[in-house]
Amino acid sequence: MGTHDEGKVTRRGVVDRIEEEVAVIFLDGGDAAFLPRAVLPHQAAEGSGVEIAVRLVANPVRREVDQILDRLADE
């Protein structure tokens, strides 16, 4: 199964199919992921093995919301 580090998860899987612009990937552990075709390497095709890493980053929208709330509180 995939690895779990502080703020990052890595999973491996196989591209099952690509429908229109969506890739369906069967992941280790029996889960599935649906990803935009554009995020896969160009040469990825049905049967390709993939590794997916998701990592936490600062939320840029949160900063904007905080600024708006601060402005509203000042009014």
PDB file of N, CA and C in Angstrom:
ATOM      1  N   MET A   1       0.849  -1.171   0.000  1.00  0.00           N
ATOM      2  CA  MET A   1       0.000   0.000   0.000  1.00  0.00           C
ATOM      3  C   MET A   1       0.893   1.230   0.000  1.00  0.00           C
ATOM      4  N   GLY A   2       0.331   2.404  -0.147  1.00  0.00           N
ATOM      5  CA  GLY A   2       1.096   3.647  -0.249  1.00  0.00           C
ATOM      6  C   GLY A   2       1.747   4.050   1.055  1.00  0.00           C
ATOM      7  N   THR A   3       2.526   5.104   0.988  1.00  0.00           N
ATOM      8  CA  THR A   3       3.209   5.606   2.173  1.00  0.00           C
ATOM      9  C   THR A   3       2.513   6.860   2.679  1.00  0.00           C
ATOM     10  N   HIS A   4       2.617   7.075   3.987  1.00  0.00           N
ATOM     11  CA  HIS A   4       2.036   8.252   4.624  1.00  0.00           C
ATOM     12  C   HIS A   4       3.118   8.946   5.440  1.00  0.00           C
ATOM     13  N   ASP A   5       3.590  10.072   4.947  1.00  0.00           N
ATOM     14  CA  ASP A   5       4.523  10.895   5.694  1.00  0.00           C
ATOM     15  C   ASP A   5       3.748  12.088   6.223  1.00  0.00           C
ATOM     16  N   GLU A   6       4.365  12.850   7.099  1.00  0.00           N
ATOM     17  CA  GLU A   6       3.738  14.065   7.611  1.00  0.00           C
ATOM     18  C   GLU A   6       3.388  14.996   6.449  1.00  0.00           C
ATOM     19  N   GLY A   7       2.095  15.186   6.180  1.00  0.00           N
ATOM     20  CA  GLY A   7       1.667  16.104   5.141  1.00  0.00           C
ATOM     21  C   GLY A   7       1.767  15.580   3.725  1.00  0.00           C
ATOM     22  N   LYS A   8       2.073  14.280   3.533  1.00  0.00           N
ATOM     23  CA  LYS A   8       2.203  13.736   2.180  1.00  0.00           C
ATOM     24  C   LYS A   8       1.742  12.278   2.153  1.00  0.00           C
ATOM     25  N   VAL A   9       1.013  11.925   1.092  1.00  0.00           N
ATOM     26  CA  VAL A   9       0.571  10.543   0.887  1.00  0.00           C
ATOM     27  C   VAL A   9       0.986  10.128  -0.518  1.00  0.00           C
ATOM     28  N   THR A  10       1.559   8.947  -0.636  1.00  0.00           N
ATOM     29  CA  THR A  10       1.956   8.420  -1.938  1.00  0.00           C
ATOM     30  C   THR A  10       1.256   7.082  -2.144  1.00  0.00           C
ATOM     31  N   ARG A  11       0.628   6.932  -3.319  1.00  0.00           N
ATOM     32  CA  ARG A  11      -0.057   5.682  -3.657  1.00  0.00           C
ATOM     33  C   ARG A  11       0.380   5.244  -5.045  1.00  0.00           C
ATOM     34  N   ARG A  12       0.397   3.938  -5.259  1.00  0.00           N
ATOM     35  CA  ARG A  12       0.705   3.377  -6.574  1.00  0.00           C
ATOM     36  C   ARG A  12      -0.546   2.742  -7.149  1.00  0.00           C
ATOM     37  N   GLY A  13      -0.599   2.710  -8.470  1.00  0.00           N
ATOM     38  CA  GLY A  13      -1.761   2.121  -9.111  1.00  0.00           C
ATOM     39  C   GLY A  13      -1.519   1.849 -10.577  1.00  0.00           C
ATOM     40  N   VAL A  14      -2.601   1.499 -11.258  1.00  0.00           N
ATOM     41  CA  VAL A  14      -2.554   1.170 -12.678  1.00  0.00           C
ATOM     42  C   VAL A  14      -3.668   1.936 -13.380  1.00  0.00           C
ATOM     43  N   VAL A  15      -3.323   2.533 -14.517  1.00  0.00           N
ATOM     44  CA  VAL A  15      -4.342   3.216 -15.316  1.00  0.00           C
ATOM     45  C   VAL A  15      -5.253   2.142 -15.900  1.00  0.00           C
ATOM     46  N   ASP A  16      -6.516   2.160 -15.498  1.00  0.00           N
ATOM     47  CA  ASP A  16      -7.478   1.184 -16.004  1.00  0.00           C
ATOM     48  C   ASP A  16      -7.990   1.603 -17.368  1.00  0.00           C
ATOM     49  N   ARG A  17      -8.363   2.893 -17.464  1.00  0.00           N
ATOM     50  CA  ARG A  17      -8.881   3.398 -18.737  1.00  0.00           C
ATOM     51  C   ARG A  17      -8.827   4.914 -18.749  1.00  0.00           C
ATOM     52  N   ILE A  18      -8.911   5.457 -19.939  1.00  0.00           N
ATOM     53  CA  ILE A  18      -8.981   6.907 -20.107  1.00  0.00           C
ATOM     54  C   ILE A  18     -10.247   7.188 -20.896  1.00  0.00           C
ATOM     55  N   GLU A  19     -11.179   7.899 -20.261  1.00  0.00           N
ATOM     56  CA  GLU A  19     -12.465   8.234 -20.880  1.00  0.00           C
ATOM     57  C   GLU A  19     -12.492   9.733 -21.114  1.00  0.00           C
ATOM     58  N   GLU A  20     -12.559  10.118 -22.396  1.00  0.00           N
ATOM     59  CA  GLU A  20     -12.526  11.545 -22.730  1.00  0.00           C
ATOM     60  C   GLU A  20     -11.274  12.168 -22.108  1.00  0.00           C
ATOM     61  N   GLU A  21     -11.444  13.044 -21.144  1.00  0.00           N
ATOM     62  CA  GLU A  21     -10.310  13.728 -20.507  1.00  0.00           C
ATOM     63  C   GLU A  21     -10.081  13.270 -19.071  1.00  0.00           C
ATOM     64  N   VAL A  22     -10.659  12.106 -18.686  1.00  0.00           N
ATOM     65  CA  VAL A  22     -10.532  11.599 -17.316  1.00  0.00           C
ATOM     66  C   VAL A  22      -9.868  10.231 -17.331  1.00  0.00           C
ATOM     67  N   ALA A  23      -8.848  10.083 -16.487  1.00  0.00           N
ATOM     68  CA  ALA A  23      -8.180   8.791 -16.330  1.00  0.00           C
ATOM     69  C   ALA A  23      -8.709   8.106 -15.078  1.00  0.00           C
ATOM     70  N   VAL A  24      -9.066   6.836 -15.210  1.00  0.00           N
ATOM     71  CA  VAL A  24      -9.513   6.038 -14.076  1.00  0.00           C
ATOM     72  C   VAL A  24      -8.333   5.165 -13.660  1.00  0.00           C
ATOM     73  N   ILE A  25      -7.924   5.320 -12.408  1.00  0.00           N
ATOM     74  CA  ILE A  25      -6.742   4.619 -11.909  1.00  0.00           C
ATOM     75  C   ILE A  25      -7.139   3.749 -10.734  1.00  0.00           C
ATOM     76  N   PHE A  26      -6.827   2.449 -10.824  1.00  0.00           N
ATOM     77  CA  PHE A  26      -7.053   1.553  -9.699  1.00  0.00           C
ATOM     78  C   PHE A  26      -5.812   1.600  -8.824  1.00  0.00           C
ATOM     79  N   LEU A  27      -6.016   1.945  -7.556  1.00  0.00           N
ATOM     80  CA  LEU A  27      -4.906   2.125  -6.622  1.00  0.00           C
ATOM     81  C   LEU A  27      -4.676   0.881  -5.776  1.00  0.00           C
ATOM     82  N   ASP A  28      -3.456   0.784  -5.243  1.00  0.00           N
ATOM     83  CA  ASP A  28      -3.179  -0.296  -4.307  1.00  0.00           C
ATOM     84  C   ASP A  28      -4.169  -0.170  -3.147  1.00  0.00           C
ATOM     85  N   GLY A  29      -4.590  -1.266  -2.623  1.00  0.00           N
ATOM     86  CA  GLY A  29      -5.555  -1.239  -1.538  1.00  0.00           C
ATOM     87  C   GLY A  29      -6.998  -1.285  -2.017  1.00  0.00           C
ATOM     88  N   GLY A  30      -7.223  -1.273  -3.343  1.00  0.00           N
ATOM     89  CA  GLY A  30      -8.564  -1.433  -3.877  1.00  0.00           C
ATOM     90  C   GLY A  30      -9.333  -0.150  -4.159  1.00  0.00           C
ATOM     91  N   ASP A  31      -8.762   1.013  -3.852  1.00  0.00           N
ATOM     92  CA  ASP A  31      -9.445   2.272  -4.147  1.00  0.00           C
ATOM     93  C   ASP A  31      -9.267   2.639  -5.617  1.00  0.00           C
ATOM     94  N   ALA A  32     -10.043   3.638  -6.052  1.00  0.00           N
ATOM     95  CA  ALA A  32      -9.903   4.152  -7.416  1.00  0.00           C
ATOM     96  C   ALA A  32      -9.753   5.659  -7.343  1.00  0.00           C
ATOM     97  N   ALA A  33      -9.066   6.225  -8.319  1.00  0.00           N
ATOM     98  CA  ALA A  33      -8.909   7.676  -8.432  1.00  0.00           C
ATOM     99  C   ALA A  33      -9.321   8.085  -9.836  1.00  0.00           C
ATOM    100  N   PHE A  34      -9.937   9.236  -9.928  1.00  0.00           N
ATOM    101  CA  PHE A  34     -10.341   9.809 -11.210  1.00  0.00           C
ATOM    102  C   PHE A  34      -9.573  11.111 -11.350  1.00  0.00           C
ATOM    103  N   LEU A  35      -8.671  11.162 -12.317  1.00  0.00           N
ATOM    104  CA  LEU A  35      -7.804  12.325 -12.491  1.00  0.00           C
ATOM    105  C   LEU A  35      -7.959  12.905 -13.885  1.00  0.00           C
ATOM    106  N   PRO A  36      -7.775  14.218 -14.016  1.00  0.00           N
ATOM    107  CA  PRO A  36      -7.763  14.788 -15.356  1.00  0.00           C
ATOM    108  C   PRO A  36      -6.630  14.170 -16.166  1.00  0.00           C
ATOM    109  N   ARG A  37      -6.893  13.837 -17.399  1.00  0.00           N
ATOM    110  CA  ARG A  37      -5.870  13.250 -18.282  1.00  0.00           C
ATOM    111  C   ARG A  37      -4.635  14.136 -18.354  1.00  0.00           C
ATOM    112  N   ALA A  38      -4.846  15.439 -18.243  1.00  0.00           N
ATOM    113  CA  ALA A  38      -3.756  16.406 -18.380  1.00  0.00           C
ATOM    114  C   ALA A  38      -2.704  16.292 -17.277  1.00  0.00           C
ATOM    115  N   VAL A  39      -3.023  15.680 -16.144  1.00  0.00           N
ATOM    116  CA  VAL A  39      -2.022  15.585 -15.072  1.00  0.00           C
ATOM    117  C   VAL A  39      -1.138  14.343 -15.203  1.00  0.00           C
ATOM    118  N   LEU A  40      -1.474  13.463 -16.133  1.00  0.00           N
ATOM    119  CA  LEU A  40      -0.644  12.278 -16.352  1.00  0.00           C
ATOM    120  C   LEU A  40       0.437  12.579 -17.378  1.00  0.00           C
ATOM    121  N   PRO A  41       1.562  11.870 -17.297  1.00  0.00           N
ATOM    122  CA  PRO A  41       2.568  12.018 -18.350  1.00  0.00           C
ATOM    123  C   PRO A  41       1.949  11.693 -19.712  1.00  0.00           C
ATOM    124  N   HIS A  42       2.414  12.365 -20.743  1.00  0.00           N
ATOM    125  CA  HIS A  42       1.849  12.231 -22.086  1.00  0.00           C
ATOM    126  C   HIS A  42       1.803  10.773 -22.551  1.00  0.00           C
ATOM    127  N   GLN A  43       2.798   9.983 -22.212  1.00  0.00           N
ATOM    128  CA  GLN A  43       2.874   8.608 -22.701  1.00  0.00           C
ATOM    129  C   GLN A  43       2.042   7.616 -21.879  1.00  0.00           C
ATOM    130  N   ALA A  44       1.376   8.065 -20.813  1.00  0.00           N
ATOM    131  CA  ALA A  44       0.554   7.168 -19.997  1.00  0.00           C
ATOM    132  C   ALA A  44      -0.608   6.634 -20.828  1.00  0.00           C
ATOM    133  N   ALA A  45      -0.888   5.343 -20.650  1.00  0.00           N
ATOM    134  CA  ALA A  45      -1.974   4.689 -21.382  1.00  0.00           C
ATOM    135  C   ALA A  45      -2.566   3.604 -20.491  1.00  0.00           C
ATOM    136  N   GLU A  46      -3.624   2.963 -20.966  1.00  0.00           N
ATOM    137  CA  GLU A  46      -4.208   1.862 -20.219  1.00  0.00           C
ATOM    138  C   GLU A  46      -3.127   0.836 -19.893  1.00  0.00           C
ATOM    139  N   GLY A  47      -3.090   0.411 -18.642  1.00  0.00           N
ATOM    140  CA  GLY A  47      -2.098  -0.564 -18.203  1.00  0.00           C
ATOM    141  C   GLY A  47      -0.823   0.046 -17.657  1.00  0.00           C
ATOM    142  N   SER A  48      -0.644   1.353 -17.797  1.00  0.00           N
ATOM    143  CA  SER A  48       0.557   2.008 -17.269  1.00  0.00           C
ATOM    144  C   SER A  48       0.527   2.028 -15.750  1.00  0.00           C
ATOM    145  N   GLY A  49       1.653   1.744 -15.146  1.00  0.00           N
ATOM    146  CA  GLY A  49       1.787   1.886 -13.701  1.00  0.00           C
ATOM    147  C   GLY A  49       2.048   3.347 -13.369  1.00  0.00           C
ATOM    148  N   VAL A  50       1.449   3.825 -12.286  1.00  0.00           N
ATOM    149  CA  VAL A  50       1.636   5.218 -11.881  1.00  0.00           C
ATOM    150  C   VAL A  50       1.847   5.306 -10.380  1.00  0.00           C
ATOM    151  N   GLU A  51       2.476   6.378  -9.981  1.00  0.00           N
ATOM    152  CA  GLU A  51       2.614   6.705  -8.564  1.00  0.00           C
ATOM    153  C   GLU A  51       2.034   8.103  -8.389  1.00  0.00           C
ATOM    154  N   ILE A  52       1.133   8.242  -7.433  1.00  0.00           N
ATOM    155  CA  ILE A  52       0.466   9.517  -7.188  1.00  0.00           C
ATOM    156  C   ILE A  52       0.893  10.006  -5.811  1.00  0.00           C
ATOM    157  N   ALA A  53       1.376  11.233  -5.755  1.00  0.00           N
ATOM    158  CA  ALA A  53       1.770  11.839  -4.487  1.00  0.00           C
ATOM    159  C   ALA A  53       0.918  13.087  -4.258  1.00  0.00           C
ATOM    160  N   VAL A  54       0.342  13.173  -3.078  1.00  0.00           N
ATOM    161  CA  VAL A  54      -0.446  14.339  -2.687  1.00  0.00           C
ATOM    162  C   VAL A  54       0.199  14.916  -1.452  1.00  0.00           C
ATOM    163  N   ARG A  55       0.468  16.218  -1.507  1.00  0.00           N
ATOM    164  CA  ARG A  55       1.161  16.859  -0.390  1.00  0.00           C
ATOM    165  C   ARG A  55       0.398  18.112  -0.005  1.00  0.00           C
ATOM    166  N   LEU A  56       0.325  18.382   1.267  1.00  0.00           N
ATOM    167  CA  LEU A  56      -0.334  19.587   1.750  1.00  0.00           C
ATOM    168  C   LEU A  56       0.538  20.807   1.471  1.00  0.00           C
ATOM    169  N   VAL A  57      -0.107  21.886   1.020  1.00  0.00           N
ATOM    170  CA  VAL A  57       0.569  23.159   0.777  1.00  0.00           C
ATOM    171  C   VAL A  57      -0.283  24.265   1.391  1.00  0.00           C
ATOM    172  N   ALA A  58       0.300  25.439   1.484  1.00  0.00           N
ATOM    173  CA  ALA A  58      -0.450  26.579   2.007  1.00  0.00           C
ATOM    174  C   ALA A  58      -1.651  26.837   1.099  1.00  0.00           C
ATOM    175  N   ASN A  59      -2.765  27.163   1.701  1.00  0.00           N
ATOM    176  CA  ASN A  59      -4.001  27.409   0.966  1.00  0.00           C
ATOM    177  C   ASN A  59      -4.076  28.882   0.584  1.00  0.00           C
ATOM    178  N   PRO A  60      -3.853  29.233  -0.690  1.00  0.00           N
ATOM    179  CA  PRO A  60      -3.850  30.640  -1.087  1.00  0.00           C
ATOM    180  C   PRO A  60      -5.230  31.286  -0.942  1.00  0.00           C
ATOM    181  N   VAL A  61      -6.281  30.501  -1.077  1.00  0.00           N
ATOM    182  CA  VAL A  61      -7.634  31.037  -0.926  1.00  0.00           C
ATOM    183  C   VAL A  61      -7.891  31.420   0.524  1.00  0.00           C
ATOM    184  N   ARG A  62      -7.352  30.659   1.443  1.00  0.00           N
ATOM    185  CA  ARG A  62      -7.549  30.955   2.868  1.00  0.00           C
ATOM    186  C   ARG A  62      -7.006  32.347   3.200  1.00  0.00           C
ATOM    187  N   ARG A  63      -5.861  32.689   2.634  1.00  0.00           N
ATOM    188  CA  ARG A  63      -5.264  34.004   2.878  1.00  0.00           C
ATOM    189  C   ARG A  63      -6.194  35.109   2.372  1.00  0.00           C
ATOM    190  N   GLU A  64      -6.766  34.907   1.183  1.00  0.00           N
ATOM    191  CA  GLU A  64      -7.691  35.900   0.632  1.00  0.00           C
ATOM    192  C   GLU A  64      -8.924  36.057   1.516  1.00  0.00           C
ATOM    193  N   VAL A  65      -9.451  34.945   1.985  1.00  0.00           N
ATOM    194  CA  VAL A  65     -10.626  34.992   2.861  1.00  0.00           C
ATOM    195  C   VAL A  65     -10.290  35.723   4.151  1.00  0.00           C
ATOM    196  N   ASP A  66      -9.143  35.443   4.724  1.00  0.00           N
ATOM    197  CA  ASP A  66      -8.723  36.135   5.951  1.00  0.00           C
ATOM    198  C   ASP A  66      -8.610  37.640   5.725  1.00  0.00           C
ATOM    199  N   GLN A  67      -8.071  38.049   4.569  1.00  0.00           N
ATOM    200  CA  GLN A  67      -7.943  39.481   4.270  1.00  0.00           C
ATOM    201  C   GLN A  67      -9.315  40.133   4.134  1.00  0.00           C
ATOM    202  N   ILE A  68     -10.246  39.459   3.479  1.00  0.00           N
ATOM    203  CA  ILE A  68     -11.600  39.997   3.341  1.00  0.00           C
ATOM    204  C   ILE A  68     -12.268  40.125   4.705  1.00  0.00           C
ATOM    205  N   LEU A  69     -12.114  39.105   5.533  1.00  0.00           N
ATOM    206  CA  LEU A  69     -12.713  39.146   6.877  1.00  0.00           C
ATOM    207  C   LEU A  69     -12.102  40.281   7.709  1.00  0.00           C
ATOM    208  N   ASP A  70     -10.802  40.481   7.578  1.00  0.00           N
ATOM    209  CA  ASP A  70     -10.145  41.578   8.297  1.00  0.00           C
ATOM    210  C   ASP A  70     -10.685  42.920   7.850  1.00  0.00           C
ATOM    211  N   ARG A  71     -10.852  43.098   6.533  1.00  0.00           N
ATOM    212  CA  ARG A  71     -11.398  44.368   6.005  1.00  0.00           C
ATOM    213  C   ARG A  71     -12.821  44.582   6.518  1.00  0.00           C
ATOM    214  N   LEU A  72     -13.626  43.531   6.507  1.00  0.00           N
ATOM    215  CA  LEU A  72     -15.003  43.661   6.977  1.00  0.00           C
ATOM    216  C   LEU A  72     -15.054  43.996   8.465  1.00  0.00           C
ATOM    217  N   ALA A  73     -14.145  43.422   9.237  1.00  0.00           N
ATOM    218  CA  ALA A  73     -14.104  43.690  10.673  1.00  0.00           C
ATOM    219  C   ALA A  73     -13.691  45.139  10.947  1.00  0.00           C
ATOM    220  N   ASP A  74     -12.866  45.713  10.051  1.00  0.00           N
ATOM    221  CA  ASP A  74     -12.418  47.101  10.219  1.00  0.00           C
ATOM    222  C   ASP A  74     -13.493  48.108   9.849  1.00  0.00           C
ATOM    223  N   GLU A  75     -14.493  47.676   9.079  1.00  0.00           N
ATOM    224  CA  GLU A  75     -15.545  48.615   8.626  1.00  0.00           C
ATOM    225  C   GLU A  75     -16.582  48.877   9.682  1.00  0.00           C
TER     226      GLU A  75
END
